[in-house]
């Protein structure tokens, strides 16, 4: 089990620690509902240092990224980030990721913790013919997500840069919390605004302490992975391993918007044919009409009780106080307003297909 540079800090704060993607991670401190509400209404800080970071450099860096990722990285300029995914050769998804253009011929790829080795080997395989410079920085860097509507105001005293000027999916490299040359990125997976801070492991304790100090008057709290999951689900953001994986179609998962057929990439020809042929099933969002909590792997059934799909992510939404979830169903059941049922033990609970996001600020 790996530790992040802040594992002892979390333990000292009384966090409940659990194994996650091979790391010892804080799942909660005070409880998921309190932590969730903190991020929706004020500001919270997550340690997500288990995420992986790859540096792709050199004159062939863009060629490699264009080959292995589905989105069009030529649209990136320095200081911009892009959501994308790595398609595999069989119509599935190796991983979803964020690509940062640090400078000309230098890109940072941020990947999911559980997929670091798999992603590295996949990209390396295609790099044999392309010859970009690749470095795995995952074990040397930490990542904090400072999320919530008060994040900018609470953190402004820690940087000489105007944090409010950093637009969504933009970033800068500058000073933060007394450390020079950290990445301050207006990304995040909660839907409540804020930043992600990338720094060296040796620097993250100082950054963490100063973030909590600066945010004290704004009610900042440390937030665990359980609330991170409920926050992302309320926005309908996919979680790798649940909603997308090696066997799920990115087009069925709703990732067509980051699939650019204007270039050649891994399995692009087959994905283009799939799009032209029409999708057989789709990832839908649903709200329960009755009481209950939908969970991962629960069956989705039609009015006659016949299984038509499976829940990929589900929870009791802290913001909406109702059961919400994602799942794959045949296209005929995917229209907004469609009626489905979620099999919760012996009961088929009625649910309605809705348009994302669940949570609207």
Protein backbone atom coordinates (compact mmCIF):
# COMPACT_ATOMS: atom_id res chain seq x y z
CA UNK A 1 0.00 0.00 0.00
CA UNK A 2 1.46 3.35 -1.05
CA UNK A 3 1.13 6.51 1.03
CA UNK A 4 0.86 10.09 -0.18
CA UNK A 5 3.14 12.70 1.37
CA UNK A 6 0.17 13.75 3.55
CA UNK A 7 -0.95 10.34 4.87
CA UNK A 8 0.27 11.07 8.42
CA UNK A 9 -1.39 14.49 8.29
CA UNK A 10 -4.75 12.92 7.43
CA UNK A 11 -4.39 10.33 10.19
CA UNK A 12 -3.62 13.12 12.70
CA UNK A 13 -6.81 14.92 11.57
CA UNK A 14 -8.81 11.80 12.41
CA UNK A 15 -9.55 10.80 8.82
CA UNK A 16 -10.99 7.39 8.12
CA UNK A 17 -8.33 5.82 5.88
CA UNK A 18 -9.08 3.16 3.27
CA UNK A 19 -7.14 1.40 0.50
CA UNK A 20 -7.93 3.07 -2.84
CA UNK A 21 -6.15 2.36 -6.15
CA UNK A 22 -3.19 0.96 -4.23
CA UNK A 23 -2.93 4.00 -1.93
CA UNK A 24 -3.84 4.61 1.69
CA UNK A 25 -6.37 7.43 1.24
CA UNK A 26 -8.76 9.50 3.43
CA UNK A 27 -12.34 8.49 2.62
CA UNK A 28 -13.92 10.88 5.13
CA UNK A 29 -13.20 13.12 8.12
CA UNK A 30 -16.54 14.30 9.58
CA UNK A 31 -18.92 12.46 7.26
CA UNK A 32 -19.81 12.52 3.60
CA UNK A 33 -22.87 14.81 3.85
CA UNK A 34 -21.09 17.51 5.88
CA UNK A 35 -18.06 17.41 3.60
CA UNK A 36 -20.21 17.44 0.45
CA UNK A 37 -22.14 20.48 1.67
CA UNK A 38 -18.90 22.26 2.58
CA UNK A 39 -17.72 22.05 -1.04
CA UNK A 40 -21.10 23.04 -2.49
CA UNK A 41 -21.50 26.07 -0.20
CA UNK A 42 -18.01 27.27 0.76
CA UNK A 43 -14.62 25.59 0.19
CA UNK A 44 -12.91 22.27 0.88
CA UNK A 45 -9.51 20.76 0.15
CA UNK A 46 -8.85 17.21 -1.12
CA UNK A 47 -5.57 15.34 -1.22
CA UNK A 48 -5.69 13.58 -4.60
CA UNK A 49 -1.95 12.94 -4.84
CA UNK A 50 -2.62 9.34 -5.86
CA UNK A 51 -3.32 10.58 -9.41
CA UNK A 52 -0.61 9.91 -12.02
CA UNK A 53 1.40 12.50 -13.94
CA UNK A 54 3.31 11.85 -17.18
CA UNK A 55 5.49 14.45 -18.90
CA UNK A 56 5.59 14.10 -22.70
CA UNK A 57 8.24 16.29 -24.32
CA UNK A 58 10.20 16.96 -27.49
CA UNK A 59 9.43 17.64 -31.16
CA UNK A 60 7.34 14.44 -31.39
CA UNK A 61 5.31 15.00 -28.22
CA UNK A 62 2.21 16.31 -30.00
CA UNK A 63 2.31 13.46 -32.55
CA UNK A 64 2.25 10.90 -29.73
CA UNK A 65 -0.61 12.62 -27.88
CA UNK A 66 -2.61 12.92 -31.09
CA UNK A 67 -2.16 9.20 -31.74
CA UNK A 68 -3.12 7.90 -28.28
CA UNK A 69 -5.85 10.38 -27.27
CA UNK A 70 -9.26 10.93 -28.89
CA UNK A 71 -9.52 14.70 -28.46
CA UNK A 72 -7.63 17.13 -30.72
CA UNK A 73 -4.58 18.39 -28.82
CA UNK A 74 -3.65 20.79 -31.65
CA UNK A 75 -6.37 23.04 -30.20
CA UNK A 76 -4.31 23.48 -27.01
CA UNK A 77 -2.23 26.60 -26.50
CA UNK A 78 0.20 27.12 -23.59
CA UNK A 79 -1.80 27.54 -20.39
CA UNK A 80 -4.79 25.52 -21.54
CA UNK A 81 -5.97 22.06 -20.45
CA UNK A 82 -8.17 19.54 -22.22
CA UNK A 83 -10.32 16.61 -21.09
CA UNK A 84 -9.75 13.50 -23.21
CA UNK A 85 -9.52 9.72 -23.13
CA UNK A 86 -7.20 6.97 -24.34
CA UNK A 87 -9.11 4.58 -26.63
CA UNK A 88 -7.98 0.97 -26.76
CA UNK A 89 -7.83 -1.27 -29.84
CA UNK A 90 -11.06 -3.11 -28.99
CA UNK A 91 -13.56 -0.26 -28.82
CA UNK A 92 -13.13 0.43 -25.10
CA UNK A 93 -11.38 3.02 -22.94
CA UNK A 94 -7.90 2.62 -21.45
CA UNK A 95 -8.46 5.69 -19.24
CA UNK A 96 -9.81 9.22 -19.18
CA UNK A 97 -7.34 12.01 -18.48
CA UNK A 98 -6.53 15.72 -18.58
CA UNK A 99 -3.84 17.04 -20.95
CA UNK A 100 -2.02 20.27 -20.06
CA UNK A 101 0.13 22.19 -22.54
CA UNK A 102 2.93 23.46 -20.29
CA UNK A 103 4.99 25.02 -23.10
CA UNK A 104 5.68 24.32 -26.76
CA UNK A 105 6.67 20.65 -27.06
CA UNK A 106 5.92 19.97 -23.35
CA UNK A 107 2.68 18.36 -22.18
CA UNK A 108 1.51 17.00 -18.82
CA UNK A 109 -0.91 14.07 -18.84
CA UNK A 110 -2.84 13.52 -15.59
CA UNK A 111 -4.26 10.00 -15.34
CA UNK A 112 -6.25 7.94 -12.84
CA UNK A 113 -4.32 6.35 -9.99
CA UNK A 114 -5.54 2.81 -10.65
CA UNK A 115 -4.36 3.01 -14.27
CA UNK A 116 -0.87 4.55 -13.97
CA UNK A 117 1.07 1.46 -15.03
CA UNK A 118 -1.49 0.39 -17.65
CA UNK A 119 -1.62 3.88 -19.21
CA UNK A 120 2.17 4.22 -19.23
CA UNK A 121 2.62 0.89 -21.02
CA UNK A 122 -0.14 1.68 -23.50
CA UNK A 123 1.37 5.06 -24.45
CA UNK A 124 4.90 3.61 -24.47
CA UNK A 125 3.79 0.97 -26.98
CA UNK A 126 2.76 3.65 -29.49
CA UNK A 127 5.78 5.80 -28.71
CA UNK A 128 8.17 3.15 -30.06
CA UNK A 129 7.42 4.35 -33.59
CA UNK A 130 7.08 8.05 -32.69
CA UNK A 131 9.99 8.75 -30.32
CA UNK A 132 8.74 11.42 -27.92
CA UNK A 133 10.45 11.86 -24.53
CA UNK A 134 8.37 10.33 -21.73
CA UNK A 135 8.81 10.74 -17.98
CA UNK A 136 6.63 9.28 -15.22
CA UNK A 137 6.47 11.91 -12.45
CA UNK A 138 3.70 10.18 -10.47
CA UNK A 139 5.78 9.21 -7.41
CA UNK A 140 7.38 12.66 -7.07
CA UNK A 141 4.41 15.02 -7.31
CA UNK A 142 1.40 15.78 -5.13
CA UNK A 143 -1.99 17.16 -6.10
CA UNK A 144 -4.44 19.14 -3.98
CA UNK A 145 -7.95 20.04 -5.16
CA UNK A 146 -9.29 23.21 -3.53
CA UNK A 147 -12.96 23.20 -4.49
CA UNK A 148 -16.02 25.32 -3.83
CA UNK A 149 -17.60 28.71 -4.63
CA UNK A 150 -15.38 30.51 -2.09
CA UNK A 151 -12.12 28.92 -3.32
CA UNK A 152 -10.89 31.98 -5.26
CA UNK A 153 -11.61 34.43 -2.44
CA UNK A 154 -10.19 32.13 0.23
CA UNK A 155 -6.96 31.38 -1.63
CA UNK A 156 -6.16 34.76 -3.22
CA UNK A 157 -3.85 35.78 -0.36
CA UNK A 158 -1.59 32.80 -1.17
CA UNK A 159 -0.64 33.93 -4.68
CA UNK A 160 0.54 37.08 -6.46
CA UNK A 161 -1.54 36.02 -9.48
CA UNK A 162 -5.18 37.01 -9.94
CA UNK A 163 -6.85 33.64 -9.32
CA UNK A 164 -10.23 34.92 -10.52
CA UNK A 165 -8.71 35.50 -13.98
CA UNK A 166 -7.92 31.80 -14.51
CA UNK A 167 -10.79 30.53 -16.65
CA UNK A 168 -12.20 26.98 -16.52
CA UNK A 169 -9.71 24.48 -18.01
CA UNK A 170 -6.94 27.08 -18.01
CA UNK A 171 -3.88 27.08 -15.75
CA UNK A 172 -0.71 28.96 -14.93
CA UNK A 173 2.66 28.11 -13.44
CA UNK A 174 3.41 30.52 -10.62
CA UNK A 175 3.74 31.14 -6.88
CA UNK A 176 1.32 29.68 -4.37
CA UNK A 177 1.55 29.28 -0.59
CA UNK A 178 5.18 30.41 -0.57
CA UNK A 179 6.27 27.91 -3.23
CA UNK A 180 7.44 29.05 -6.66
CA UNK A 181 6.55 27.20 -9.88
CA UNK A 182 3.45 25.27 -8.89
CA UNK A 183 0.69 24.56 -11.40
CA UNK A 184 -2.52 26.40 -10.46
CA UNK A 185 -5.24 24.85 -12.60
CA UNK A 186 -8.93 25.81 -12.81
CA UNK A 187 -9.98 22.22 -13.31
CA UNK A 188 -11.57 19.95 -10.74
CA UNK A 189 -14.23 17.27 -10.64
CA UNK A 190 -16.87 18.70 -8.32
CA UNK A 191 -18.81 21.23 -10.40
CA UNK A 192 -18.46 23.89 -7.70
CA UNK A 193 -15.42 25.75 -9.05
CA UNK A 194 -11.95 26.04 -7.58
CA UNK A 195 -8.43 24.90 -8.34
CA UNK A 196 -6.07 22.00 -8.48
CA UNK A 197 -2.53 22.60 -7.24
CA UNK A 198 0.38 20.46 -8.49
CA UNK A 199 3.61 20.63 -6.47
CA UNK A 200 6.49 18.42 -5.37
CA UNK A 201 5.99 15.93 -2.54
CA UNK A 202 8.52 17.88 -0.46
CA UNK A 203 6.38 21.04 -0.81
CA UNK A 204 2.85 19.74 -0.30
CA UNK A 205 2.77 19.83 3.53
CA UNK A 206 3.57 23.56 3.46
CA UNK A 207 0.91 24.14 0.81
CA UNK A 208 -1.69 22.07 2.72
CA UNK A 209 -1.05 23.94 5.98
CA UNK A 210 -1.21 27.37 4.34
CA UNK A 211 -4.38 26.44 2.43
CA UNK A 212 -6.14 25.47 5.68
CA UNK A 213 -4.84 28.62 7.37
CA UNK A 214 -5.93 30.94 4.54
CA UNK A 215 -9.32 29.25 4.30
CA UNK A 216 -10.05 29.22 8.04
CA UNK A 217 -12.26 32.35 7.92
CA UNK A 218 -14.19 30.83 5.01
CA UNK A 219 -14.99 27.59 6.79
CA UNK A 220 -12.56 25.41 4.84
CA UNK A 221 -12.45 21.72 5.73
CA UNK A 222 -10.43 18.74 4.54
CA UNK A 223 -12.61 16.55 2.31
CA UNK A 224 -12.38 12.81 1.70
CA UNK A 225 -12.87 10.63 -1.35
CA UNK A 226 -16.45 9.66 -0.41
CA UNK A 227 -17.65 13.26 -0.86
CA UNK A 228 -15.54 13.57 -4.01
CA UNK A 229 -17.58 10.69 -5.42
CA UNK A 230 -20.99 12.17 -4.52
CA UNK A 231 -19.93 15.58 -5.86
CA UNK A 232 -18.76 14.20 -9.23
CA UNK A 233 -21.85 12.01 -9.54
CA UNK A 234 -24.18 15.00 -9.02
CA UNK A 235 -22.47 16.52 -12.08
CA UNK A 236 -22.72 13.28 -14.07
CA UNK A 237 -18.95 13.02 -14.48
CA UNK A 238 -17.75 9.53 -15.38
CA UNK A 239 -15.67 7.54 -12.91
CA UNK A 240 -13.20 5.14 -14.49
CA UNK A 241 -13.85 1.57 -13.40
CA UNK A 242 -17.55 2.31 -12.85
CA UNK A 243 -19.02 4.20 -15.81
CA UNK A 244 -16.20 3.63 -18.31
CA UNK A 245 -13.61 0.87 -18.59
CA UNK A 246 -11.70 -1.29 -21.07
CA UNK A 247 -14.95 -2.80 -22.34
CA UNK A 248 -17.27 0.24 -22.54
CA UNK A 249 -17.74 2.21 -25.75
CA UNK A 250 -16.69 5.86 -25.29
CA UNK A 251 -19.51 6.85 -27.67
CA UNK A 252 -22.12 4.98 -25.63
CA UNK A 253 -20.64 6.65 -22.53
CA UNK A 254 -21.36 10.09 -23.98
CA UNK A 255 -17.73 10.94 -24.78
CA UNK A 256 -18.45 11.75 -28.42
CA UNK A 257 -17.80 15.42 -27.64
CA UNK A 258 -14.11 14.64 -27.01
CA UNK A 259 -13.82 12.20 -29.93
CA UNK A 260 -12.42 14.10 -32.93
CA UNK A 261 -12.49 12.20 -36.22
CA UNK A 262 -10.54 15.01 -37.95
CA UNK A 263 -7.36 13.05 -37.13
CA UNK A 264 -6.10 9.48 -36.98
CA UNK A 265 -5.93 8.00 -33.47
CA UNK A 266 -5.99 4.53 -31.90
CA UNK A 267 -9.09 2.65 -33.15
CA UNK A 268 -10.53 5.81 -34.75
CA UNK A 269 -11.71 3.96 -37.85
CA UNK A 270 -13.76 1.46 -35.84
CA UNK A 271 -15.21 4.17 -33.59
CA UNK A 272 -16.21 6.21 -36.64
CA UNK A 273 -18.01 3.15 -38.06
CA UNK A 274 -19.75 2.62 -34.70
CA UNK A 275 -20.96 6.23 -34.75
CA UNK A 276 -22.22 5.91 -38.34
CA UNK A 277 -23.99 2.61 -37.58
CA UNK A 278 -25.78 4.11 -34.58
CA UNK A 279 -25.42 3.28 -30.90
CA UNK A 280 -27.24 0.29 -29.44
CA UNK A 281 -27.15 1.47 -25.82
CA UNK A 282 -26.37 4.67 -23.94
CA UNK A 283 -25.20 5.80 -20.52
CA UNK A 284 -28.17 7.54 -18.92
CA UNK A 285 -28.73 9.59 -15.79
CA UNK A 286 -31.75 8.80 -13.62
CA UNK A 287 -33.49 9.99 -10.47
CA UNK A 288 -35.53 7.64 -8.29
CA UNK A 289 -39.24 8.53 -8.07
CA UNK A 290 -39.56 6.55 -4.86
CA UNK A 291 -37.44 5.97 -1.78
CA UNK A 292 -34.21 4.01 -2.01
CA UNK A 293 -30.54 4.26 -2.85
CA UNK A 294 -29.33 2.88 -6.19
CA UNK A 295 -25.93 1.22 -5.96
CA UNK A 296 -23.24 0.12 -8.39
CA UNK A 297 -24.23 -3.15 -10.15
CA UNK A 298 -27.95 -2.99 -9.25
CA UNK A 299 -30.14 -4.16 -12.14
CA UNK A 300 -32.15 -1.71 -14.24
CA UNK A 301 -35.48 -3.33 -15.26
CA UNK A 302 -38.41 -2.40 -17.48
CA UNK A 303 -42.09 -2.26 -16.49
CA UNK A 304 -42.39 -6.04 -16.78
CA UNK A 305 -39.39 -6.65 -14.53
CA UNK A 306 -37.08 -7.69 -17.38
CA UNK A 307 -33.44 -6.69 -16.93
CA UNK A 308 -32.45 -3.99 -19.45
CA UNK A 309 -29.26 -2.66 -17.93
CA UNK A 310 -27.12 -2.11 -14.86
CA UNK A 311 -26.36 0.81 -12.53
CA UNK A 312 -22.73 1.92 -12.95
CA UNK A 313 -22.76 4.66 -10.28
CA UNK A 314 -25.42 5.46 -7.70
CA UNK A 315 -25.90 7.27 -4.41
CA UNK A 316 -28.26 9.26 -2.22
CA UNK A 317 -27.61 12.80 -3.48
CA UNK A 318 -26.72 15.04 -0.50
CA UNK A 319 -27.78 18.16 -2.45
CA UNK A 320 -31.08 16.81 -3.79
CA UNK A 321 -32.00 14.34 -1.01
CA UNK A 322 -33.00 11.68 -3.53
CA UNK A 323 -31.48 8.59 -5.10
CA UNK A 324 -29.55 9.32 -8.31
CA UNK A 325 -27.44 7.22 -10.63
CA UNK A 326 -25.92 6.44 -14.00
CA UNK A 327 -26.31 3.26 -16.01
CA UNK A 328 -26.33 1.72 -19.46
CA UNK A 329 -29.66 0.91 -21.12
CA UNK A 330 -30.81 0.14 -24.69
CA UNK A 331 -31.21 3.33 -26.73
CA UNK A 332 -35.01 2.99 -26.69
CA UNK A 333 -34.99 3.68 -22.91
CA UNK A 334 -32.46 6.54 -23.08
CA UNK A 335 -34.68 9.52 -23.93
CA UNK A 336 -35.10 12.17 -21.22
CA UNK A 337 -38.36 11.48 -19.41
CA UNK A 338 -38.26 7.72 -20.05
CA UNK A 339 -39.50 5.55 -17.20
CA UNK A 340 -37.31 2.73 -15.88
CA UNK A 341 -37.05 0.79 -12.61
CA UNK A 342 -34.12 0.07 -10.33
CA UNK A 343 -34.14 -3.31 -8.66
CA UNK A 344 -33.30 -2.66 -5.00
CA UNK A 345 -33.41 -6.03 -3.23
CA UNK A 346 -36.97 -7.34 -3.83
CA UNK A 347 -38.45 -4.04 -4.94
CA UNK A 348 -38.43 -2.44 -8.39
CA UNK A 349 -38.26 1.28 -7.61
CA UNK A 350 -39.57 3.59 -10.37
CA UNK A 351 -37.05 6.08 -11.82
CA UNK A 352 -37.01 8.75 -14.52
CA UNK A 353 -34.26 9.42 -17.07
CA UNK A 354 -33.11 13.03 -16.70
CA UNK A 355 -30.76 15.45 -18.43
CA UNK A 356 -27.42 16.06 -16.71
CA UNK A 357 -26.25 17.56 -14.46
CA UNK A 358 -28.31 16.40 -11.48
CA UNK A 359 -27.07 19.37 -9.48
CA UNK A 360 -27.59 22.86 -10.88
CA UNK A 361 -25.95 25.62 -8.86
